[in-house]
Protein backbone atom coordinates (compact mmCIF):
# COMPACT_ATOMS: atom_id res chain seq x y z
CA MET A 1 4.20 -6.29 97.94
CA SER A 2 7.91 -7.17 97.63
CA GLU A 3 10.54 -6.30 100.19
CA ILE A 4 14.19 -5.63 99.39
CA ARG A 5 16.58 -6.15 102.29
CA ASP A 6 19.08 -3.33 102.58
CA PRO A 7 22.05 -3.12 105.00
CA ILE A 8 21.46 0.59 105.68
CA TYR A 9 17.68 0.89 106.14
CA GLY A 10 16.52 -2.66 106.82
CA PHE A 11 13.76 -3.14 104.25
CA ILE A 12 12.94 -1.11 101.13
CA ILE A 13 9.39 -1.66 99.94
CA PRO A 14 8.64 -0.54 96.37
CA SER A 15 5.18 -0.55 94.82
CA LYS A 16 4.35 -2.97 91.99
CA LYS A 17 4.97 -0.26 89.41
CA GLU A 18 8.28 0.73 91.00
CA LEU A 19 9.31 -2.91 91.17
CA LYS A 20 8.70 -3.18 87.42
CA ILE A 21 11.10 -0.26 86.89
CA ILE A 22 13.68 -1.97 89.11
CA ASP A 23 13.33 -5.15 87.02
CA THR A 24 14.09 -3.41 83.72
CA PHE A 25 17.41 -4.06 81.99
CA LEU A 26 18.14 -0.32 82.21
CA PHE A 27 18.02 -0.43 86.01
CA GLN A 28 19.50 -3.92 86.53
CA ARG A 29 22.58 -2.84 84.53
CA LEU A 30 23.50 -0.63 87.51
CA ARG A 31 24.43 -3.79 89.45
CA ARG A 32 27.59 -3.93 87.32
CA ILE A 33 28.73 -0.33 87.87
CA LYS A 34 30.50 0.28 91.16
CA GLN A 35 29.47 3.31 93.16
CA LEU A 36 33.05 4.37 93.97
CA SER A 37 34.89 3.09 90.89
CA LEU A 38 38.21 1.56 92.06
CA ALA A 39 38.01 2.71 95.68
CA TYR A 40 38.03 -1.00 96.62
CA LEU A 41 41.78 -0.96 95.91
CA VAL A 42 42.19 0.94 99.17
CA TYR A 43 38.86 0.09 100.91
CA PRO A 44 38.31 -3.61 100.06
CA GLY A 45 34.65 -3.54 101.08
CA ALA A 46 33.76 -0.72 98.66
CA LEU A 47 32.18 -3.09 96.14
CA HIS A 48 28.68 -1.59 96.35
CA THR A 49 27.05 -0.44 93.14
CA ARG A 50 24.89 2.23 91.56
CA PHE A 51 22.05 -0.28 91.89
CA ASP A 52 22.28 -0.36 95.70
CA HIS A 53 22.64 3.40 95.88
CA SER A 54 19.67 4.08 93.58
CA LEU A 55 17.45 1.91 95.77
CA GLY A 56 18.69 3.81 98.81
CA VAL A 57 17.99 7.20 97.22
CA TYR A 58 14.50 5.98 96.31
CA HIS A 59 13.89 4.90 99.92
CA VAL A 60 15.11 8.18 101.44
CA ALA A 61 13.26 10.30 98.86
CA SER A 62 10.06 8.34 99.62
CA LYS A 63 10.39 9.04 103.34
CA ILE A 64 10.99 12.76 102.77
CA VAL A 65 8.25 13.31 100.22
CA ASP A 66 5.69 11.41 102.33
CA GLN A 67 6.57 13.66 105.25
CA LEU A 68 6.64 17.00 103.41
CA LEU A 69 3.97 16.51 100.74
CA PRO A 70 1.24 14.42 102.40
CA GLY A 71 -2.38 14.12 101.30
CA ARG A 72 -4.26 12.84 98.27
CA GLU A 73 -3.73 16.13 96.41
CA ASN A 74 0.04 15.42 96.33
CA GLU A 75 -0.18 11.76 95.33
CA GLU A 76 1.01 12.36 91.76
CA ASN A 77 3.89 14.59 92.93
CA ARG A 78 5.07 11.94 95.40
CA ALA A 79 5.04 9.28 92.66
CA ILE A 80 7.14 11.45 90.31
CA VAL A 81 9.72 12.06 93.05
CA ARG A 82 10.00 8.31 93.69
CA TYR A 83 10.40 7.48 90.00
CA ALA A 84 13.02 10.22 89.58
CA ALA A 85 14.94 8.97 92.62
CA LEU A 86 14.98 5.45 91.19
CA LEU A 87 16.11 6.53 87.73
CA HIS A 88 18.47 9.39 88.55
CA ASP A 89 21.66 7.36 87.93
CA VAL A 90 20.70 5.16 84.95
CA GLY A 91 22.92 7.19 82.60
CA HIS A 92 26.16 6.41 84.40
CA GLY A 93 28.77 4.67 82.31
CA PRO A 94 31.63 2.39 83.32
CA PHE A 95 33.57 3.62 86.37
CA SER A 96 30.77 6.09 87.23
CA HIS A 97 32.04 9.66 87.71
CA SER A 98 35.65 8.65 87.02
CA SER A 99 35.05 8.30 83.28
CA GLU A 100 32.90 11.43 82.86
CA PRO A 101 35.82 13.69 81.79
CA ILE A 102 36.32 11.38 78.80
CA LEU A 103 32.64 11.53 77.83
CA ASN A 104 32.77 15.32 78.09
CA LYS A 105 36.03 15.59 76.15
CA PHE A 106 34.92 13.58 73.12
CA PHE A 107 31.41 15.03 72.82
CA LYS A 108 31.55 17.74 70.18
CA ASN A 109 28.59 19.77 71.50
CA LYS A 110 30.29 21.88 74.17
CA ASN A 111 26.95 23.43 75.17
CA VAL A 112 26.19 20.24 77.09
CA GLU A 113 28.05 20.51 80.39
CA LYS A 114 27.34 17.06 81.86
CA VAL A 115 27.05 14.42 79.16
CA HIS A 116 26.10 11.62 81.57
CA GLU A 117 23.00 13.61 82.57
CA ALA A 118 22.04 14.10 78.92
CA ILE A 119 22.44 10.34 78.46
CA THR A 120 20.23 9.74 81.52
CA PHE A 121 17.43 11.88 80.10
CA GLU A 122 17.58 10.23 76.68
CA LEU A 123 17.63 6.72 78.14
CA ILE A 124 14.57 7.42 80.29
CA ARG A 125 12.79 9.03 77.37
CA ASN A 126 13.51 6.25 74.87
CA ASP A 127 13.85 3.01 76.82
CA LYS A 128 11.10 0.63 75.63
CA GLU A 129 10.65 -1.17 78.94
CA VAL A 130 10.40 2.09 80.89
CA ASN A 131 7.92 3.45 78.36
CA GLN A 132 5.72 0.39 78.82
CA ILE A 133 5.61 1.07 82.58
CA LEU A 134 5.39 4.87 82.63
CA GLY A 135 3.31 7.13 80.45
CA SER A 136 4.76 9.94 78.32
CA THR A 137 3.45 12.58 80.72
CA GLU A 138 5.13 10.89 83.69
CA ILE A 139 8.40 10.53 81.75
CA ASP A 140 8.37 14.24 80.85
CA GLN A 141 7.73 15.13 84.49
CA ILE A 142 10.58 12.87 85.66
CA ILE A 143 13.05 14.41 83.19
CA ASN A 144 11.94 17.94 84.10
CA LEU A 145 12.43 17.11 87.77
CA LEU A 146 15.90 15.63 87.22
CA ASN A 147 16.78 18.67 85.13
CA GLY A 148 15.34 21.05 87.73
CA ASP A 149 12.78 22.53 85.34
CA ASN A 150 9.02 23.06 85.47
CA VAL A 151 8.38 21.33 88.78
CA ASN A 152 5.04 21.62 90.54
CA CYS A 153 6.70 22.40 93.85
CA SER A 154 10.32 23.29 94.71
CA ILE A 155 10.37 20.66 97.46
CA MET A 156 10.24 18.00 94.73
CA LYS A 157 13.39 19.37 93.09
CA GLU A 158 15.17 19.85 96.42
CA ILE A 159 14.57 16.23 97.44
CA ILE A 160 16.37 15.13 94.26
CA SER A 161 19.06 17.82 94.02
CA SER A 162 20.01 20.28 96.77
CA PRO A 163 22.53 20.59 99.61
CA LEU A 164 20.26 18.27 101.62
CA ASP A 165 18.97 15.88 98.98
CA ALA A 166 18.21 12.15 99.20
CA ASP A 167 21.27 11.36 97.09
CA LYS A 168 23.70 12.85 99.63
CA LEU A 169 21.88 11.38 102.61
CA ASP A 170 22.19 7.90 101.12
CA TYR A 171 25.69 7.98 99.68
CA LEU A 172 27.27 9.22 102.90
CA LEU A 173 25.75 6.41 104.96
CA ARG A 174 26.24 3.77 102.26
CA ASP A 175 29.80 4.68 101.27
CA SER A 176 30.81 4.90 104.93
CA TYR A 177 29.31 1.47 105.66
CA PHE A 178 30.93 -0.34 102.72
CA CYS A 179 34.29 1.41 103.09
CA GLY A 180 34.35 0.32 106.71
CA VAL A 181 34.81 3.84 108.08
CA LYS A 182 32.77 6.00 110.45
CA TYR A 183 33.40 9.36 108.82
CA GLY A 184 30.05 9.43 107.00
CA VAL A 185 27.85 8.41 109.92
CA PHE A 186 25.23 10.93 111.11
CA ASP A 187 21.88 10.71 112.90
CA TYR A 188 19.82 10.03 109.78
CA GLN A 189 16.56 9.35 111.61
CA ARG A 190 16.77 12.49 113.73
CA LEU A 191 17.61 14.64 110.71
CA LEU A 192 14.70 13.10 108.78
CA ASN A 193 12.32 13.75 111.67
CA THR A 194 13.27 17.44 111.81
CA LEU A 195 12.80 18.11 108.09
CA TYR A 196 9.99 20.56 107.41
CA TYR A 197 9.22 23.28 104.89
CA TYR A 198 8.76 27.01 104.61
CA LYS A 199 6.58 28.91 102.18
CA ASP A 200 7.82 31.48 99.69
CA ARG A 201 4.76 33.00 98.04
CA GLN A 202 2.85 29.98 96.75
CA ASP A 203 5.86 27.67 96.71
CA LYS A 204 7.34 25.35 99.35
CA HIS A 205 11.02 24.73 100.14
CA ILE A 206 12.85 22.26 102.39
CA ALA A 207 13.94 23.48 105.80
CA VAL A 208 15.10 21.95 109.07
CA LYS A 209 13.38 22.68 112.37
CA TYR A 210 15.41 24.54 114.97
CA ASP A 211 15.90 21.45 117.13
CA GLY A 212 17.54 19.72 114.15
CA VAL A 213 20.52 22.11 113.99
CA ASN A 214 22.90 19.65 115.66
CA SER A 215 21.84 16.80 113.35
CA LEU A 216 22.41 19.05 110.34
CA GLU A 217 25.86 20.01 111.64
CA GLN A 218 26.66 16.32 112.00
CA PHE A 219 25.53 15.64 108.41
CA ILE A 220 27.69 18.44 106.97
CA LEU A 221 30.73 17.35 108.94
CA ALA A 222 30.15 13.78 107.74
CA LYS A 223 30.26 15.01 104.15
CA TYR A 224 33.41 17.02 104.84
CA TYR A 225 35.27 14.12 106.46
CA MET A 226 34.17 11.61 103.82
CA THR A 227 35.51 13.97 101.17
CA GLN A 228 38.80 14.34 103.02
CA GLN A 229 39.31 10.69 103.95
CA VAL A 230 37.55 8.68 101.20
CA TYR A 231 36.59 10.66 98.10
CA ARG A 232 39.93 12.52 98.04
CA HIS A 233 42.06 9.65 99.38
CA LYS A 234 45.42 9.67 97.57
CA VAL A 235 44.90 6.20 96.07
CA ARG A 236 41.41 7.14 94.90
CA MET A 237 42.75 10.29 93.22
CA LEU A 238 45.55 8.29 91.64
CA THR A 239 43.37 5.47 90.28
CA ASP A 240 40.79 7.92 88.91
CA SER A 241 43.60 9.76 87.11
CA MET A 242 44.94 6.48 85.72
CA ILE A 243 41.47 5.52 84.44
CA ILE A 244 41.09 8.87 82.69
CA ARG A 245 44.56 8.72 81.15
CA GLY A 246 44.16 5.06 80.13
CA LEU A 247 40.87 5.75 78.35
CA GLU A 248 42.27 8.88 76.74
CA LEU A 249 45.32 7.03 75.40
CA GLY A 250 43.15 4.12 74.28
CA ILE A 251 41.14 6.48 72.10
CA GLU A 252 43.76 8.96 70.88
CA VAL A 253 46.91 6.81 70.64
CA ASP A 254 45.92 3.13 70.50
CA GLU A 255 42.75 3.94 68.52
CA ILE A 256 40.78 1.12 70.14
CA PRO A 257 37.49 1.02 68.19
CA PHE A 258 35.16 0.07 71.07
CA LEU A 259 36.49 2.92 73.26
CA LYS A 260 36.00 5.44 70.47
CA LYS A 261 32.46 4.23 69.98
CA LEU A 262 31.64 4.12 73.69
CA PHE A 263 32.89 7.58 74.60
CA SER A 264 31.82 9.51 71.47
CA TYR A 265 28.28 10.31 72.58
CA SER A 266 25.69 10.58 69.85
CA PRO A 267 21.99 10.82 70.78
CA ASP A 268 20.73 7.97 68.62
CA ASP A 269 19.44 4.42 69.16
CA GLU A 270 22.62 2.75 67.93
CA TYR A 271 24.76 4.65 70.44
CA PHE A 272 22.49 3.84 73.39
CA LYS A 273 22.22 0.18 72.44
CA ASN A 274 26.02 -0.07 72.49
CA TYR A 275 26.42 2.11 75.59
CA LEU A 276 24.21 -0.13 77.70
CA LYS A 277 26.41 -3.15 76.97
CA TYR A 278 29.34 -1.71 78.89
CA TYR A 279 30.17 -1.74 82.58
CA ASP A 280 33.36 -1.66 84.67
CA GLU A 281 34.61 -5.22 84.18
CA LYS A 282 33.72 -5.36 80.49
CA VAL A 283 35.84 -2.29 79.75
CA PHE A 284 38.72 -3.83 81.71
CA ASN A 285 38.41 -7.16 79.92
CA ASP A 286 38.07 -5.66 76.44
CA ILE A 287 41.11 -3.42 76.88
CA LEU A 288 43.24 -6.22 78.32
CA SER A 289 42.22 -8.65 75.56
CA PHE A 290 42.57 -6.17 72.69
CA LYS A 291 44.97 -7.53 70.08
CA SER A 292 47.34 -4.56 70.30
CA LYS A 293 48.97 -4.23 73.74
CA GLY A 294 49.32 -0.45 73.68
CA LYS A 295 49.38 2.30 76.25
CA ALA A 296 45.84 1.74 77.51
CA PHE A 297 46.75 -1.91 78.12
CA GLU A 298 49.79 -0.83 80.17
CA ILE A 299 47.71 1.38 82.45
CA PHE A 300 44.72 -0.93 82.86
CA ASN A 301 46.98 -3.93 83.40
CA ARG A 302 48.63 -2.00 86.24
CA LEU A 303 45.21 -1.18 87.70
CA HIS A 304 44.15 -4.81 87.33
CA HIS A 305 47.15 -6.01 89.34
CA ARG A 306 47.21 -3.00 91.68
CA ASN A 307 50.64 -2.05 90.41
CA LEU A 308 49.81 1.61 90.66
CA PHE A 309 51.67 4.73 89.65
CA LYS A 310 53.23 6.64 92.54
CA ARG A 311 52.50 10.15 93.69
CA ILE A 312 55.87 11.86 93.19
CA PHE A 313 54.76 15.42 93.96
CA SER A 314 51.96 16.90 96.06
CA GLU A 315 51.73 20.47 97.27
CA LYS A 316 49.12 23.09 97.90
CA LEU A 317 49.11 25.14 94.74
CA LYS A 318 49.64 28.34 96.73
CA ASP A 319 52.87 26.85 98.16
CA THR A 320 54.41 25.93 94.82
CA GLU A 321 56.94 28.23 93.19
CA ALA A 322 54.82 28.83 90.09
CA ASN A 323 54.10 32.46 89.27
CA PRO A 324 50.56 33.73 90.03
CA ILE A 325 49.41 33.70 86.41
CA ILE A 326 50.44 30.07 85.96
CA LYS A 327 48.87 29.14 89.31
CA ASP A 328 45.52 30.44 88.08
CA LYS A 329 45.85 28.28 84.98
CA LEU A 330 46.90 25.21 86.96
CA ILE A 331 43.67 25.31 88.96
CA HIS A 332 41.85 24.16 85.81
CA ILE A 333 44.63 22.08 84.29
CA GLY A 334 42.17 19.34 83.32
CA LYS A 335 40.65 21.76 80.79
CA ASN A 336 44.00 23.17 79.60
CA GLU A 337 45.44 20.24 77.67
CA LYS A 338 48.25 22.26 76.07
CA LEU A 339 49.62 23.40 79.45
CA ARG A 340 49.14 19.96 81.00
CA LYS A 341 51.08 18.22 78.24
CA LYS A 342 53.86 20.81 78.42
CA ILE A 343 54.29 20.24 82.16
CA GLU A 344 54.13 16.45 81.77
CA SER A 345 56.76 16.58 79.01
CA LEU A 346 59.15 18.61 81.13
CA ILE A 347 58.66 16.36 84.14
CA SER A 348 59.14 13.20 82.07
CA GLN A 349 62.69 14.32 81.38
CA LEU A 350 63.47 14.01 85.09
CA LEU A 351 62.73 10.30 85.13
CA ILE A 352 64.87 7.38 84.07
CA SER A 353 63.85 5.39 80.96
CA PRO A 354 61.47 3.58 80.48
CA GLN A 355 59.56 5.49 83.18
CA ASN A 356 59.93 8.77 81.33
CA ASP A 357 57.25 8.22 78.67
CA GLN A 358 55.27 11.46 78.77
CA ALA A 359 52.03 9.54 78.29
CA TYR A 360 52.45 8.00 81.75
CA ILE A 361 53.16 11.27 83.59
CA ILE A 362 49.90 12.61 84.99
CA ALA A 363 49.42 16.16 86.29
CA ASN A 364 46.31 16.63 88.41
CA THR A 365 44.74 19.37 90.50
CA PHE A 366 41.86 19.05 92.94
CA LYS A 367 40.25 21.20 95.58
CA PHE A 368 39.50 20.64 99.25
CA LYS A 369 36.49 22.83 99.97
CA SER A 370 35.91 24.49 103.32
CA VAL A 371 33.23 23.05 105.59
CA LYS A 372 31.06 26.09 104.90
CA GLU A 373 31.38 25.70 101.14
CA ILE A 374 30.77 21.96 101.30
CA SER A 375 27.53 22.62 103.22
CA ARG A 376 26.09 24.24 100.09
CA GLY A 377 26.83 21.27 97.85
CA ASN A 378 27.18 22.20 94.19
CA SER A 379 24.69 25.03 94.32
CA GLU A 380 24.29 28.49 95.75
CA GLU A 381 21.21 27.36 97.64
CA LYS A 382 21.31 27.92 101.38
CA LEU A 383 20.39 25.45 104.07
CA ILE A 384 17.40 26.91 105.86
CA ILE A 385 16.60 26.58 109.56
CA LEU A 386 13.18 27.43 110.98
CA THR A 387 13.58 29.43 114.19
CA PRO A 388 11.42 28.47 117.19
CA GLU A 389 8.99 31.12 115.92
CA GLY A 390 8.86 29.43 112.51
CA ILE A 391 10.86 32.10 110.67
CA PRO A 392 13.23 30.80 107.94
CA THR A 393 16.87 31.82 108.43
CA ASP A 394 20.28 30.78 107.07
CA PHE A 395 21.64 27.70 108.86
CA GLN A 396 25.01 29.37 109.37
CA ASN A 397 23.33 32.12 111.40
CA GLU A 398 21.95 29.54 113.84
CA SER A 399 24.94 27.20 114.10
CA ASN A 400 27.51 28.26 116.70
CA LEU A 401 29.86 25.62 115.32
CA PHE A 402 29.75 26.86 111.73
CA ASN A 403 29.92 30.52 112.77
CA SER A 404 33.37 29.79 114.18
CA ILE A 405 34.72 28.25 110.94
CA ASN A 406 36.74 30.33 108.50
CA GLN A 407 35.00 30.54 105.13
CA SER A 408 38.30 31.04 103.31
CA LEU A 409 39.86 27.67 104.16
CA ASN A 410 39.93 26.25 100.63
CA ASP A 411 43.01 24.47 99.33
CA VAL A 412 43.85 23.50 95.75
CA TYR A 413 46.42 20.72 95.45
CA PHE A 414 48.75 20.13 92.52
CA GLU A 415 50.00 16.55 92.13
CA ILE A 416 52.09 14.47 89.76
CA TYR A 417 51.73 10.70 89.31
CA ALA A 418 54.26 8.52 87.49
CA PRO A 419 55.26 4.81 87.12
CA VAL A 420 58.27 5.00 89.40
CA SER A 421 59.46 2.44 91.96
CA TYR A 422 61.58 2.56 95.10
CA ASP A 423 63.87 -0.10 96.56
CA SER A 424 63.68 1.25 100.10
CA PRO A 425 62.02 3.97 102.22
CA PHE A 426 65.36 5.81 102.23
CA GLU A 427 65.50 5.84 98.41
CA LYS A 428 61.85 6.92 98.26
CA GLU A 429 62.47 9.90 100.54
CA LYS A 430 65.59 10.86 98.61
CA LEU A 431 63.82 10.74 95.23
CA LEU A 432 60.73 12.60 96.46
CA GLN A 433 62.92 15.41 97.77
CA LYS A 434 64.68 15.56 94.42
CA TYR A 435 61.39 15.61 92.51
CA LYS A 436 60.02 18.33 94.77
CA ILE A 437 62.97 20.62 94.02
CA GLU A 438 63.01 19.87 90.29
CA ILE A 439 59.25 20.12 89.74
CA ASN A 440 59.11 23.42 91.62
CA ARG A 441 61.91 24.66 89.38
CA ILE A 442 59.92 23.63 86.31
CA LEU A 443 56.83 25.42 87.61
CA LYS A 444 58.88 28.52 88.45
CA ASP A 445 60.38 28.71 84.95
CA LEU A 446 57.11 27.92 83.21
CA GLU A 447 55.85 30.58 80.85
CA GLU A 448 52.33 31.10 79.51
């Protein structure tokens, strides 16, 4: 039995069959895709990968499923959870989540909400090495589990995707460790030890014992602070926006063939064969070495040398001078290309040439969720606490800390990034004040 040394958990010990999955090209490719994209430009240690994270999720999922679904009768269910945990991220493309808006934009079937998940399912279903290791029945069960469909027990699904899933438990600890911060640290072992289940008819769901309330509070606060300090760090938001704009311009303006091919998803063997060739550094290198030094080159060359755009405007959307109708539209500006380009064009006129190329003005909105909202993750599922009498109840009813937090504290920020430069702190402050006045005027005068 092989052991994999891990900085978070000590040793991870996969079975022979699981080790074969880890040794496939499909899984090994994840070594070349960074977990946090370009976060290393602000946190130099953030060089960990989807490979590390997937092993961590597998380890945590194994611990949870062994604890909550013991016994020989659950042996097959435990195996499927482990396989799903290992394979859950194999569909990620270069730059992980940062490039997903481009995949979604250039996929013509708008019924598919998350293209990278569709890619994950197809890769698992069709990869030859994986198919030699796992049978067709196991593969169908893994895909159903990852998709949240037709599971034998709800606990299986909740270990993989829920407000308290193995993915979140691992990425908070791992991202915190490699970023060199303490925001994501929580008492993992105590939280794990207090995980239990409650029955709903014939089904079982994850819950936390009453004496685990404080550990659960700590976990939720860790997620909140990591979001505030790392995932929504201003440089992280800026570099993600530059990646998206660079890829977009590379496809639509520069017409770089490999980018068109990579981000125009088509569920066929030729697409997947090409898709698996690409990872973060290869995209960088191919853009920078492309014969035509166009707009994508300009942006990726800046990223390569950490010559980043500057944030020239940042306000809570509610505090801007835009009228209420426009504010509602700005919340989803990433999906309203016509409005975004109109705003970027107007703002570009404020800047001095050659900085005023509209292509390099980036409007972005993002949301800081309240602690209560962040506790639910991306679902409407509630975190359940078992009272001392064993009765399931909503976590927020049992947490004095979370009862005192205002549910309504959600802020949407509107920001503008541009390739400007400053000669001194005084000039920077002067220009930012000017941009604030002028951009608010633009938003105020903006019509539908």
